[in-house]
PDB file of N, CA and C in Angstrom:
ATOM      1  N   MET A   1     -75.082 -24.781 -25.420  1.00  0.00           N
ATOM      2  CA  MET A   1     -74.415 -25.020 -23.973  1.00  0.00           C
ATOM      3  C   MET A   1     -75.261 -23.731 -23.189  1.00  0.00           C
ATOM      4  N   SER A   2     -75.343 -24.355 -22.136  1.00  0.00           N
ATOM      5  CA  SER A   2     -75.841 -23.274 -21.281  1.00  0.00           C
ATOM      6  C   SER A   2     -74.457 -23.099 -20.058  1.00  0.00           C
ATOM      7  N   ASP A   3     -74.723 -21.616 -19.203  1.00  0.00           N
ATOM      8  CA  ASP A   3     -73.864 -21.112 -18.277  1.00  0.00           C
ATOM      9  C   ASP A   3     -73.499 -21.920 -17.723  1.00  0.00           C
ATOM     10  N   CYS A   4     -74.264 -22.977 -17.280  1.00  0.00           N
ATOM     11  CA  CYS A   4     -74.068 -23.748 -15.983  1.00  0.00           C
ATOM     12  C   CYS A   4     -73.052 -24.725 -16.007  1.00  0.00           C
ATOM     13  N   GLU A   5     -72.788 -25.373 -17.692  1.00  0.00           N
ATOM     14  CA  GLU A   5     -72.094 -26.167 -18.137  1.00  0.00           C
ATOM     15  C   GLU A   5     -70.371 -25.605 -18.410  1.00  0.00           C
ATOM     16  N   HIS A   6     -70.062 -24.315 -18.169  1.00  0.00           N
ATOM     17  CA  HIS A   6     -68.871 -24.092 -18.313  1.00  0.00           C
ATOM     18  C   HIS A   6     -68.241 -24.135 -17.004  1.00  0.00           C
ATOM     19  N   PRO A   7     -67.245 -24.480 -16.879  1.00  0.00           N
ATOM     20  CA  PRO A   7     -66.393 -24.669 -15.422  1.00  0.00           C
ATOM     21  C   PRO A   7     -65.893 -23.076 -15.165  1.00  0.00           C
ATOM     22  N   PRO A   8     -66.004 -22.448 -13.894  1.00  0.00           N
ATOM     23  CA  PRO A   8     -65.874 -21.483 -13.479  1.00  0.00           C
ATOM     24  C   PRO A   8     -64.176 -20.977 -13.926  1.00  0.00           C
ATOM     25  N   GLN A   9     -64.371 -19.734 -14.828  1.00  0.00           N
ATOM     26  CA  GLN A   9     -62.837 -18.906 -15.207  1.00  0.00           C
ATOM     27  C   GLN A   9     -61.921 -18.565 -14.137  1.00  0.00           C
ATOM     28  N   ASP A  10     -60.769 -18.965 -14.266  1.00  0.00           N
ATOM     29  CA  ASP A  10     -59.435 -18.244 -13.564  1.00  0.00           C
ATOM     30  C   ASP A  10     -59.465 -16.852 -13.984  1.00  0.00           C
ATOM     31  N   PRO A  11     -59.266 -16.020 -12.757  1.00  0.00           N
ATOM     32  CA  PRO A  11     -59.283 -14.530 -13.158  1.00  0.00           C
ATOM     33  C   PRO A  11     -58.078 -14.369 -14.353  1.00  0.00           C
ATOM     34  N   ALA A  12     -56.747 -14.962 -14.447  1.00  0.00           N
ATOM     35  CA  ALA A  12     -56.127 -14.916 -15.873  1.00  0.00           C
ATOM     36  C   ALA A  12     -56.797 -15.096 -17.053  1.00  0.00           C
ATOM     37  N   GLN A  13     -57.441 -16.288 -17.082  1.00  0.00           N
ATOM     38  CA  GLN A  13     -58.299 -16.386 -18.163  1.00  0.00           C
ATOM     39  C   GLN A  13     -59.384 -14.969 -18.602  1.00  0.00           C
ATOM     40  N   ILE A  14     -60.167 -14.558 -17.092  1.00  0.00           N
ATOM     41  CA  ILE A  14     -61.272 -13.629 -17.475  1.00  0.00           C
ATOM     42  C   ILE A  14     -60.227 -12.232 -17.975  1.00  0.00           C
ATOM     43  N   ARG A  15     -58.874 -12.270 -17.643  1.00  0.00           N
ATOM     44  CA  ARG A  15     -58.381 -10.877 -17.911  1.00  0.00           C
ATOM     45  C   ARG A  15     -57.972 -11.118 -19.525  1.00  0.00           C
ATOM     46  N   ARG A  16     -57.508 -12.336 -20.008  1.00  0.00           N
ATOM     47  CA  ARG A  16     -57.228 -12.473 -21.370  1.00  0.00           C
ATOM     48  C   ARG A  16     -58.898 -12.192 -22.232  1.00  0.00           C
ATOM     49  N   THR A  17     -59.233 -13.119 -21.784  1.00  0.00           N
ATOM     50  CA  THR A  17     -60.636 -12.976 -22.591  1.00  0.00           C
ATOM     51  C   THR A  17     -61.171 -11.227 -22.609  1.00  0.00           C
ATOM     52  N   ALA A  18     -60.967 -10.738 -21.973  1.00  0.00           N
ATOM     53  CA  ALA A  18     -61.525  -9.146 -21.864  1.00  0.00           C
ATOM     54  C   ALA A  18     -60.576  -8.425 -22.653  1.00  0.00           C
ATOM     55  N   LEU A  19     -59.155  -8.869 -22.403  1.00  0.00           N
ATOM     56  CA  LEU A  19     -58.175  -8.359 -23.434  1.00  0.00           C
ATOM     57  C   LEU A  19     -58.364  -8.409 -24.796  1.00  0.00           C
ATOM     58  N   TYR A  20     -58.558  -9.881 -25.089  1.00  0.00           N
ATOM     59  CA  TYR A  20     -59.040 -10.432 -26.635  1.00  0.00           C
ATOM     60  C   TYR A  20     -60.432  -9.690 -27.319  1.00  0.00           C
ATOM     61  N   LEU A  21     -61.337  -9.660 -26.203  1.00  0.00           N
ATOM     62  CA  LEU A  21     -62.336  -8.917 -26.829  1.00  0.00           C
ATOM     63  C   LEU A  21     -62.294  -7.516 -27.179  1.00  0.00           C
ATOM     64  N   THR A  22     -61.261  -6.992 -26.468  1.00  0.00           N
ATOM     65  CA  THR A  22     -61.335  -5.072 -26.516  1.00  0.00           C
ATOM     66  C   THR A  22     -60.322  -5.302 -27.850  1.00  0.00           C
ATOM     67  N   LEU A  23     -59.442  -5.938 -28.078  1.00  0.00           N
ATOM     68  CA  LEU A  23     -58.473  -5.830 -29.253  1.00  0.00           C
ATOM     69  C   LEU A  23     -58.814  -6.191 -30.757  1.00  0.00           C
ATOM     70  N   ALA A  24     -60.425  -7.234 -30.499  1.00  0.00           N
ATOM     71  CA  ALA A  24     -60.750  -7.831 -31.611  1.00  0.00           C
ATOM     72  C   ALA A  24     -61.684  -6.536 -32.297  1.00  0.00           C
ATOM     73  N   GLN A  25     -61.785  -5.230 -31.589  1.00  0.00           N
ATOM     74  CA  GLN A  25     -62.820  -4.176 -31.918  1.00  0.00           C
ATOM     75  C   GLN A  25     -62.025  -3.223 -32.470  1.00  0.00           C
ATOM     76  N   VAL A  26     -60.599  -3.227 -32.163  1.00  0.00           N
ATOM     77  CA  VAL A  26     -59.761  -2.333 -32.799  1.00  0.00           C
ATOM     78  C   VAL A  26     -59.747  -2.311 -34.385  1.00  0.00           C
ATOM     79  N   PRO A  27     -60.312  -1.419 -35.394  1.00  0.00           N
ATOM     80  CA  PRO A  27     -60.635  -0.856 -36.765  1.00  0.00           C
ATOM     81  C   PRO A  27     -59.403  -0.987 -37.833  1.00  0.00           C
ATOM     82  N   GLU A  28     -59.660  -1.727 -38.871  1.00  0.00           N
ATOM     83  CA  GLU A  28     -58.497  -1.561 -39.673  1.00  0.00           C
ATOM     84  C   GLU A  28     -57.980  -0.399 -39.904  1.00  0.00           C
ATOM     85  N   GLY A  29     -56.590  -0.078 -40.027  1.00  0.00           N
ATOM     86  CA  GLY A  29     -56.032   1.565 -40.353  1.00  0.00           C
ATOM     87  C   GLY A  29     -56.229   2.200 -38.989  1.00  0.00           C
ATOM     88  N   LYS A  30     -56.342   1.630 -37.896  1.00  0.00           N
ATOM     89  CA  LYS A  30     -56.114   2.205 -36.702  1.00  0.00           C
ATOM     90  C   LYS A  30     -55.091   1.310 -35.505  1.00  0.00           C
ATOM     91  N   VAL A  31     -55.006   2.179 -34.694  1.00  0.00           N
ATOM     92  CA  VAL A  31     -53.833   1.425 -33.646  1.00  0.00           C
ATOM     93  C   VAL A  31     -53.739   2.055 -32.195  1.00  0.00           C
ATOM     94  N   VAL A  32     -53.417   1.274 -31.516  1.00  0.00           N
ATOM     95  CA  VAL A  32     -53.891   1.398 -30.111  1.00  0.00           C
ATOM     96  C   VAL A  32     -52.449   1.136 -29.397  1.00  0.00           C
ATOM     97  N   SER A  33     -52.271   1.759 -28.476  1.00  0.00           N
ATOM     98  CA  SER A  33     -50.939   1.134 -27.223  1.00  0.00           C
ATOM     99  C   SER A  33     -51.231   0.597 -26.365  1.00  0.00           C
ATOM    100  N   TYR A  34     -50.351  -0.382 -26.053  1.00  0.00           N
ATOM    101  CA  TYR A  34     -50.317  -1.304 -25.041  1.00  0.00           C
ATOM    102  C   TYR A  34     -50.958  -0.935 -23.647  1.00  0.00           C
ATOM    103  N   GLY A  35     -50.818   0.171 -23.037  1.00  0.00           N
ATOM    104  CA  GLY A  35     -51.571   0.604 -22.263  1.00  0.00           C
ATOM    105  C   GLY A  35     -53.079   1.130 -22.242  1.00  0.00           C
ATOM    106  N   GLN A  36     -53.142   1.743 -23.391  1.00  0.00           N
ATOM    107  CA  GLN A  36     -54.700   2.250 -23.870  1.00  0.00           C
ATOM    108  C   GLN A  36     -55.301   1.062 -23.740  1.00  0.00           C
ATOM    109  N   LEU A  37     -55.045  -0.050 -24.400  1.00  0.00           N
ATOM    110  CA  LEU A  37     -55.814  -1.147 -24.736  1.00  0.00           C
ATOM    111  C   LEU A  37     -56.128  -1.684 -23.257  1.00  0.00           C
ATOM    112  N   ALA A  38     -55.021  -1.610 -22.640  1.00  0.00           N
ATOM    113  CA  ALA A  38     -55.045  -2.420 -20.876  1.00  0.00           C
ATOM    114  C   ALA A  38     -56.450  -1.697 -20.555  1.00  0.00           C
ATOM    115  N   GLU A  39     -56.503  -0.247 -20.554  1.00  0.00           N
ATOM    116  CA  GLU A  39     -57.393   0.646 -19.839  1.00  0.00           C
ATOM    117  C   GLU A  39     -58.892   0.134 -20.459  1.00  0.00           C
ATOM    118  N   LEU A  40     -58.688   0.020 -21.751  1.00  0.00           N
ATOM    119  CA  LEU A  40     -60.308  -0.052 -22.399  1.00  0.00           C
ATOM    120  C   LEU A  40     -60.581  -1.550 -22.057  1.00  0.00           C
ATOM    121  N   ALA A  41     -59.781  -2.114 -21.839  1.00  0.00           N
ATOM    122  CA  ALA A  41     -59.974  -3.620 -21.595  1.00  0.00           C
ATOM    123  C   ALA A  41     -60.535  -3.716 -19.839  1.00  0.00           C
ATOM    124  N   GLY A  42     -60.298  -2.709 -19.284  1.00  0.00           N
ATOM    125  CA  GLY A  42     -60.799  -2.727 -17.779  1.00  0.00           C
ATOM    126  C   GLY A  42     -59.633  -3.592 -17.148  1.00  0.00           C
ATOM    127  N   LEU A  43     -58.616  -3.434 -17.660  1.00  0.00           N
ATOM    128  CA  LEU A  43     -57.614  -4.149 -16.926  1.00  0.00           C
ATOM    129  C   LEU A  43     -56.585  -2.901 -15.844  1.00  0.00           C
ATOM    130  N   GLY A  44     -56.803  -1.817 -16.281  1.00  0.00           N
ATOM    131  CA  GLY A  44     -56.119  -0.805 -15.311  1.00  0.00           C
ATOM    132  C   GLY A  44     -54.739  -0.644 -16.122  1.00  0.00           C
ATOM    133  N   ARG A  45     -53.260  -0.048 -15.325  1.00  0.00           N
ATOM    134  CA  ARG A  45     -52.406  -0.029 -15.947  1.00  0.00           C
ATOM    135  C   ARG A  45     -51.942  -1.300 -15.871  1.00  0.00           C
ATOM    136  N   ALA A  46     -51.674  -2.315 -17.098  1.00  0.00           N
ATOM    137  CA  ALA A  46     -51.551  -3.479 -17.574  1.00  0.00           C
ATOM    138  C   ALA A  46     -50.587  -3.216 -18.683  1.00  0.00           C
ATOM    139  N   ALA A  47     -50.169  -2.540 -18.924  1.00  0.00           N
ATOM    140  CA  ALA A  47     -49.185  -2.355 -20.684  1.00  0.00           C
ATOM    141  C   ALA A  47     -48.331  -3.641 -20.697  1.00  0.00           C
ATOM    142  N   ARG A  48     -47.550  -3.666 -19.913  1.00  0.00           N
ATOM    143  CA  ARG A  48     -46.183  -4.551 -19.873  1.00  0.00           C
ATOM    144  C   ARG A  48     -47.175  -6.151 -20.077  1.00  0.00           C
ATOM    145  N   TRP A  49     -48.312  -6.479 -18.798  1.00  0.00           N
ATOM    146  CA  TRP A  49     -49.134  -7.505 -19.259  1.00  0.00           C
ATOM    147  C   TRP A  49     -49.575  -7.854 -20.603  1.00  0.00           C
ATOM    148  N   VAL A  50     -50.415  -6.837 -20.866  1.00  0.00           N
ATOM    149  CA  VAL A  50     -50.736  -6.946 -22.213  1.00  0.00           C
ATOM    150  C   VAL A  50     -49.791  -7.238 -23.192  1.00  0.00           C
ATOM    151  N   GLY A  51     -48.390  -6.726 -23.364  1.00  0.00           N
ATOM    152  CA  GLY A  51     -47.495  -7.105 -24.304  1.00  0.00           C
ATOM    153  C   GLY A  51     -46.933  -8.562 -24.272  1.00  0.00           C
ATOM    154  N   ARG A  52     -46.618  -8.608 -22.859  1.00  0.00           N
ATOM    155  CA  ARG A  52     -46.623 -10.014 -22.711  1.00  0.00           C
ATOM    156  C   ARG A  52     -47.303 -11.169 -23.191  1.00  0.00           C
ATOM    157  N   THR A  53     -49.054 -10.968 -22.964  1.00  0.00           N
ATOM    158  CA  THR A  53     -49.753 -11.579 -22.992  1.00  0.00           C
ATOM    159  C   THR A  53     -49.974 -11.741 -24.992  1.00  0.00           C
ATOM    160  N   LEU A  54     -49.846 -10.849 -25.575  1.00  0.00           N
ATOM    161  CA  LEU A  54     -49.925 -10.579 -26.739  1.00  0.00           C
ATOM    162  C   LEU A  54     -48.681 -11.263 -27.880  1.00  0.00           C
ATOM    163  N   SER A  55     -47.302 -11.414 -27.182  1.00  0.00           N
ATOM    164  CA  SER A  55     -46.442 -12.034 -27.171  1.00  0.00           C
ATOM    165  C   SER A  55     -46.823 -13.472 -27.427  1.00  0.00           C
ATOM    166  N   GLN A  56     -47.674 -14.007 -26.723  1.00  0.00           N
ATOM    167  CA  GLN A  56     -47.954 -15.454 -26.568  1.00  0.00           C
ATOM    168  C   GLN A  56     -49.377 -16.288 -27.273  1.00  0.00           C
ATOM    169  N   LEU A  57     -49.602 -15.283 -28.319  1.00  0.00           N
ATOM    170  CA  LEU A  57     -50.657 -15.655 -29.496  1.00  0.00           C
ATOM    171  C   LEU A  57     -50.389 -16.496 -29.919  1.00  0.00           C
ATOM    172  N   PRO A  58     -51.016 -17.593 -30.377  1.00  0.00           N
ATOM    173  CA  PRO A  58     -50.645 -18.336 -31.230  1.00  0.00           C
ATOM    174  C   PRO A  58     -50.374 -17.897 -32.728  1.00  0.00           C
ATOM    175  N   GLY A  59     -49.671 -18.425 -33.645  1.00  0.00           N
ATOM    176  CA  GLY A  59     -49.394 -18.058 -35.067  1.00  0.00           C
ATOM    177  C   GLY A  59     -49.974 -17.459 -36.121  1.00  0.00           C
ATOM    178  N   ASP A  60     -51.179 -18.510 -36.122  1.00  0.00           N
ATOM    179  CA  ASP A  60     -52.295 -18.451 -36.701  1.00  0.00           C
ATOM    180  C   ASP A  60     -53.543 -17.639 -36.063  1.00  0.00           C
ATOM    181  N   SER A  61     -53.025 -16.806 -34.945  1.00  0.00           N
ATOM    182  CA  SER A  61     -54.630 -16.053 -34.504  1.00  0.00           C
ATOM    183  C   SER A  61     -55.032 -14.889 -35.260  1.00  0.00           C
ATOM    184  N   LYS A  62     -56.397 -14.654 -35.401  1.00  0.00           N
ATOM    185  CA  LYS A  62     -56.979 -13.713 -36.291  1.00  0.00           C
ATOM    186  C   LYS A  62     -57.076 -12.224 -35.384  1.00  0.00           C
ATOM    187  N   LEU A  63     -56.480 -12.358 -34.144  1.00  0.00           N
ATOM    188  CA  LEU A  63     -56.542 -11.076 -33.821  1.00  0.00           C
ATOM    189  C   LEU A  63     -55.690 -10.013 -34.237  1.00  0.00           C
ATOM    190  N   PRO A  64     -55.985  -8.753 -34.397  1.00  0.00           N
ATOM    191  CA  PRO A  64     -55.019  -7.694 -34.725  1.00  0.00           C
ATOM    192  C   PRO A  64     -54.097  -7.201 -34.083  1.00  0.00           C
ATOM    193  N   TRP A  65     -53.130  -8.120 -33.848  1.00  0.00           N
ATOM    194  CA  TRP A  65     -52.146  -7.724 -32.463  1.00  0.00           C
ATOM    195  C   TRP A  65     -51.002  -6.730 -33.343  1.00  0.00           C
ATOM    196  N   HIS A  66     -50.677  -6.461 -34.756  1.00  0.00           N
ATOM    197  CA  HIS A  66     -50.090  -5.903 -35.126  1.00  0.00           C
ATOM    198  C   HIS A  66     -50.695  -4.203 -34.791  1.00  0.00           C
ATOM    199  N   ARG A  67     -51.651  -4.237 -34.541  1.00  0.00           N
ATOM    200  CA  ARG A  67     -52.623  -2.801 -34.207  1.00  0.00           C
ATOM    201  C   ARG A  67     -52.079  -2.410 -33.034  1.00  0.00           C
ATOM    202  N   VAL A  68     -51.548  -3.059 -31.859  1.00  0.00           N
ATOM    203  CA  VAL A  68     -50.856  -2.555 -31.013  1.00  0.00           C
ATOM    204  C   VAL A  68     -49.159  -2.310 -30.792  1.00  0.00           C
ATOM    205  N   LEU A  69     -49.470  -1.017 -30.306  1.00  0.00           N
ATOM    206  CA  LEU A  69     -47.616  -0.195 -30.331  1.00  0.00           C
ATOM    207  C   LEU A  69     -47.426   0.244 -29.078  1.00  0.00           C
ATOM    208  N   GLY A  70     -46.258   0.503 -28.973  1.00  0.00           N
ATOM    209  CA  GLY A  70     -45.821   0.901 -27.490  1.00  0.00           C
ATOM    210  C   GLY A  70     -46.393   2.206 -27.467  1.00  0.00           C
ATOM    211  N   ALA A  71     -45.975   3.184 -26.318  1.00  0.00           N
ATOM    212  CA  ALA A  71     -46.195   4.609 -26.012  1.00  0.00           C
ATOM    213  C   ALA A  71     -45.982   5.422 -27.141  1.00  0.00           C
ATOM    214  N   GLY A  72     -46.714   6.477 -27.566  1.00  0.00           N
ATOM    215  CA  GLY A  72     -46.412   7.294 -28.620  1.00  0.00           C
ATOM    216  C   GLY A  72     -46.529   6.750 -29.665  1.00  0.00           C
ATOM    217  N   GLY A  73     -46.774   5.456 -30.078  1.00  0.00           N
ATOM    218  CA  GLY A  73     -47.012   4.898 -31.449  1.00  0.00           C
ATOM    219  C   GLY A  73     -45.659   4.121 -32.239  1.00  0.00           C
ATOM    220  N   ARG A  74     -44.922   3.790 -31.101  1.00  0.00           N
ATOM    221  CA  ARG A  74     -43.575   3.494 -31.068  1.00  0.00           C
ATOM    222  C   ARG A  74     -43.808   1.694 -31.604  1.00  0.00           C
ATOM    223  N   ILE A  75     -42.834   1.658 -32.395  1.00  0.00           N
ATOM    224  CA  ILE A  75     -43.114  -0.264 -32.709  1.00  0.00           C
ATOM    225  C   ILE A  75     -42.571  -0.813 -31.867  1.00  0.00           C
ATOM    226  N   SER A  76     -42.492  -1.758 -31.177  1.00  0.00           N
ATOM    227  CA  SER A  76     -41.877  -2.151 -29.927  1.00  0.00           C
ATOM    228  C   SER A  76     -40.929  -3.273 -30.634  1.00  0.00           C
ATOM    229  N   LEU A  77     -41.490  -4.297 -31.622  1.00  0.00           N
ATOM    230  CA  LEU A  77     -40.772  -5.389 -32.025  1.00  0.00           C
ATOM    231  C   LEU A  77     -39.981  -4.707 -32.868  1.00  0.00           C
ATOM    232  N   ALA A  78     -38.576  -5.624 -33.162  1.00  0.00           N
ATOM    233  CA  ALA A  78     -37.573  -4.923 -33.638  1.00  0.00           C
ATOM    234  C   ALA A  78     -37.730  -5.254 -35.258  1.00  0.00           C
ATOM    235  N   ALA A  79     -37.201  -4.358 -36.030  1.00  0.00           N
ATOM    236  CA  ALA A  79     -37.092  -4.460 -37.459  1.00  0.00           C
ATOM    237  C   ALA A  79     -36.157  -5.723 -37.884  1.00  0.00           C
ATOM    238  N   GLY A  80     -36.431  -6.254 -38.740  1.00  0.00           N
ATOM    239  CA  GLY A  80     -35.579  -7.465 -39.150  1.00  0.00           C
ATOM    240  C   GLY A  80     -36.081  -8.721 -38.447  1.00  0.00           C
ATOM    241  N   THR A  81     -36.756  -8.756 -37.240  1.00  0.00           N
ATOM    242  CA  THR A  81     -37.323 -10.067 -36.727  1.00  0.00           C
ATOM    243  C   THR A  81     -38.598 -10.367 -37.295  1.00  0.00           C
ATOM    244  N   PRO A  82     -38.991 -11.691 -37.735  1.00  0.00           N
ATOM    245  CA  PRO A  82     -40.090 -11.860 -38.511  1.00  0.00           C
ATOM    246  C   PRO A  82     -41.266 -11.340 -38.010  1.00  0.00           C
ATOM    247  N   SER A  83     -41.722 -11.257 -36.516  1.00  0.00           N
ATOM    248  CA  SER A  83     -42.873 -10.506 -36.104  1.00  0.00           C
ATOM    249  C   SER A  83     -42.596  -8.828 -36.572  1.00  0.00           C
ATOM    250  N   GLY A  84     -41.830  -8.534 -35.924  1.00  0.00           N
ATOM    251  CA  GLY A  84     -41.381  -6.970 -36.384  1.00  0.00           C
ATOM    252  C   GLY A  84     -42.035  -6.873 -37.686  1.00  0.00           C
ATOM    253  N   ASP A  85     -41.321  -7.802 -38.670  1.00  0.00           N
ATOM    254  CA  ASP A  85     -41.446  -7.130 -40.236  1.00  0.00           C
ATOM    255  C   ASP A  85     -42.932  -7.310 -40.713  1.00  0.00           C
ATOM    256  N   GLU A  86     -43.657  -8.495 -40.272  1.00  0.00           N
ATOM    257  CA  GLU A  86     -44.747  -9.106 -40.095  1.00  0.00           C
ATOM    258  C   GLU A  86     -45.690  -7.777 -39.713  1.00  0.00           C
ATOM    259  N   GLN A  87     -45.311  -7.263 -38.677  1.00  0.00           N
ATOM    260  CA  GLN A  87     -45.868  -6.386 -38.100  1.00  0.00           C
ATOM    261  C   GLN A  87     -46.010  -4.789 -39.051  1.00  0.00           C
ATOM    262  N   ARG A  88     -44.846  -4.627 -39.390  1.00  0.00           N
ATOM    263  CA  ARG A  88     -45.006  -3.525 -40.315  1.00  0.00           C
ATOM    264  C   ARG A  88     -45.514  -3.652 -41.755  1.00  0.00           C
ATOM    265  N   ALA A  89     -45.629  -4.823 -42.252  1.00  0.00           N
ATOM    266  CA  ALA A  89     -45.888  -5.025 -43.376  1.00  0.00           C
ATOM    267  C   ALA A  89     -47.498  -4.894 -43.116  1.00  0.00           C
ATOM    268  N   ARG A  90     -47.981  -5.818 -42.019  1.00  0.00           N
ATOM    269  CA  ARG A  90     -49.736  -5.851 -42.189  1.00  0.00           C
ATOM    270  C   ARG A  90     -50.132  -3.871 -42.053  1.00  0.00           C
ATOM    271  N   LEU A  91     -49.467  -3.362 -41.129  1.00  0.00           N
ATOM    272  CA  LEU A  91     -50.002  -1.744 -40.993  1.00  0.00           C
ATOM    273  C   LEU A  91     -49.567  -1.126 -42.295  1.00  0.00           C
ATOM    274  N   ARG A  92     -48.434  -1.330 -43.204  1.00  0.00           N
ATOM    275  CA  ARG A  92     -48.342  -0.904 -44.390  1.00  0.00           C
ATOM    276  C   ARG A  92     -49.685  -1.197 -45.344  1.00  0.00           C
ATOM    277  N   THR A  93     -49.996  -2.499 -45.222  1.00  0.00           N
ATOM    278  CA  THR A  93     -51.008  -3.021 -46.086  1.00  0.00           C
ATOM    279  C   THR A  93     -52.398  -2.004 -45.670  1.00  0.00           C
ATOM    280  N   GLU A  94     -52.682  -1.574 -44.207  1.00  0.00           N
ATOM    281  CA  GLU A  94     -54.011  -1.113 -43.952  1.00  0.00           C
ATOM    282  C   GLU A  94     -53.848   0.428 -44.105  1.00  0.00           C
ATOM    283  N   GLY A  95     -52.488   0.781 -44.675  1.00  0.00           N
ATOM    284  CA  GLY A  95     -52.636   2.298 -45.090  1.00  0.00           C
ATOM    285  C   GLY A  95     -51.721   3.071 -44.229  1.00  0.00           C
ATOM    286  N   ILE A  96     -51.285   2.696 -42.984  1.00  0.00           N
ATOM    287  CA  ILE A  96     -50.581   3.264 -41.892  1.00  0.00           C
ATOM    288  C   ILE A  96     -49.187   3.241 -42.289  1.00  0.00           C
ATOM    289  N   SER A  97     -48.575   4.760 -42.167  1.00  0.00           N
ATOM    290  CA  SER A  97     -47.212   4.973 -42.560  1.00  0.00           C
ATOM    291  C   SER A  97     -46.472   4.901 -41.461  1.00  0.00           C
ATOM    292  N   ILE A  98     -45.518   4.347 -41.297  1.00  0.00           N
ATOM    293  CA  ILE A  98     -44.343   4.269 -40.409  1.00  0.00           C
ATOM    294  C   ILE A  98     -43.339   5.309 -40.504  1.00  0.00           C
ATOM    295  N   GLN A  99     -42.717   6.013 -39.803  1.00  0.00           N
ATOM    296  CA  GLN A  99     -41.492   7.021 -39.832  1.00  0.00           C
ATOM    297  C   GLN A  99     -41.133   7.082 -38.716  1.00  0.00           C
ATOM    298  N   ASN A 100     -39.442   6.841 -38.936  1.00  0.00           N
ATOM    299  CA  ASN A 100     -38.652   6.463 -37.606  1.00  0.00           C
ATOM    300  C   ASN A 100     -39.311   5.755 -36.435  1.00  0.00           C
ATOM    301  N   ASN A 101     -39.614   4.716 -37.088  1.00  0.00           N
ATOM    302  CA  ASN A 101     -40.163   3.358 -36.120  1.00  0.00           C
ATOM    303  C   ASN A 101     -41.372   3.715 -35.663  1.00  0.00           C
ATOM    304  N   ARG A 102     -41.949   4.918 -36.032  1.00  0.00           N
ATOM    305  CA  ARG A 102     -43.527   5.316 -35.046  1.00  0.00           C
ATOM    306  C   ARG A 102     -44.480   5.273 -36.021  1.00  0.00           C
ATOM    307  N   VAL A 103     -45.803   5.490 -35.656  1.00  0.00           N
ATOM    308  CA  VAL A 103     -46.566   5.832 -36.279  1.00  0.00           C
ATOM    309  C   VAL A 103     -47.409   6.729 -35.846  1.00  0.00           C
ATOM    310  N   ASP A 104     -47.980   7.749 -36.709  1.00  0.00           N
ATOM    311  CA  ASP A 104     -48.665   9.097 -36.122  1.00  0.00           C
ATOM    312  C   ASP A 104     -49.950   8.889 -35.558  1.00  0.00           C
ATOM    313  N   ILE A 105     -50.193   9.030 -34.106  1.00  0.00           N
ATOM    314  CA  ILE A 105     -51.235   8.223 -33.103  1.00  0.00           C
ATOM    315  C   ILE A 105     -52.288   9.678 -33.443  1.00  0.00           C
ATOM    316  N   GLN A 106     -52.042  10.668 -33.868  1.00  0.00           N
ATOM    317  CA  GLN A 106     -52.751  11.693 -33.876  1.00  0.00           C
ATOM    318  C   GLN A 106     -53.664  11.490 -35.331  1.00  0.00           C
ATOM    319  N   ARG A 107     -52.969  10.839 -36.320  1.00  0.00           N
ATOM    320  CA  ARG A 107     -53.888  10.391 -37.347  1.00  0.00           C
ATOM    321  C   ARG A 107     -54.327   8.865 -37.347  1.00  0.00           C
ATOM    322  N   HIS A 108     -53.876   7.848 -36.989  1.00  0.00           N
ATOM    323  CA  HIS A 108     -54.054   6.722 -36.593  1.00  0.00           C
ATOM    324  C   HIS A 108     -54.681   5.962 -35.519  1.00  0.00           C
ATOM    325  N   GLY A 109     -54.366   7.041 -34.418  1.00  0.00           N
ATOM    326  CA  GLY A 109     -54.753   6.523 -32.963  1.00  0.00           C
ATOM    327  C   GLY A 109     -56.227   6.028 -32.878  1.00  0.00           C
ATOM    328  N   TRP A 110     -56.770   4.828 -32.316  1.00  0.00           N
ATOM    329  CA  TRP A 110     -58.158   4.357 -32.201  1.00  0.00           C
ATOM    330  C   TRP A 110     -58.623   4.876 -31.169  1.00  0.00           C
ATOM    331  N   ARG A 111     -59.718   5.950 -30.983  1.00  0.00           N
ATOM    332  CA  ARG A 111     -60.524   6.574 -29.887  1.00  0.00           C
ATOM    333  C   ARG A 111     -61.796   6.275 -30.047  1.00  0.00           C
ATOM    334  N   PRO A 112     -62.266   5.246 -29.347  1.00  0.00           N
ATOM    335  CA  PRO A 112     -63.935   4.638 -29.451  1.00  0.00           C
ATOM    336  C   PRO A 112     -64.409   5.488 -28.445  1.00  0.00           C
ATOM    337  N   VAL A 113     -65.504   5.806 -29.087  1.00  0.00           N
ATOM    338  CA  VAL A 113     -66.566   6.374 -28.639  1.00  0.00           C
ATOM    339  C   VAL A 113     -66.976   6.344 -27.519  1.00  0.00           C
ATOM    340  N   GLU A 114     -66.908   6.979 -26.124  1.00  0.00           N
ATOM    341  CA  GLU A 114     -67.325   6.414 -25.093  1.00  0.00           C
ATOM    342  C   GLU A 114     -68.708   6.309 -24.971  1.00  0.00           C
ATOM    343  N   HIS A 115     -69.520   5.165 -24.490  1.00  0.00           N
ATOM    344  CA  HIS A 115     -70.772   4.891 -24.253  1.00  0.00           C
ATOM    345  C   HIS A 115     -70.999   5.480 -23.103  1.00  0.00           C
ATOM    346  N   SER A 116     -71.983   6.987 -22.729  1.00  0.00           N
ATOM    347  CA  SER A 116     -72.133   7.193 -21.354  1.00  0.00           C
ATOM    348  C   SER A 116     -73.720   6.531 -20.998  1.00  0.00           C
ATOM    349  N   GLY A 117     -74.086   6.011 -19.572  1.00  0.00           N
ATOM    350  CA  GLY A 117     -75.104   5.531 -19.449  1.00  0.00           C
ATOM    351  C   GLY A 117     -75.269   4.031 -19.584  1.00  0.00           C
TER     352      GLY A 117
END
């Protein structure tokens, strides 16, 4: 399919695509904050938008949404909720320890290498 056959994307779709492509790169055993993910995706200060957008992912999404945390490594989803429990289980499966509802960002934070040039 050539580029000409795609209908022009609306800005919201372009933003979501940038977000999903960036999220897909977060490796197993690493976490990223909503705000950091927004910046890495070139979306500026859009942490709340990132959170809202990820909350609307389909249940069978292959994207590693569970690796996205609140500021300072805080887990935003409440324990005891289906998504909150799933997030904690997935993180533990990847070897990430959770203490006081937080993940150690120093140990587990994703710092992609900046490509200059």
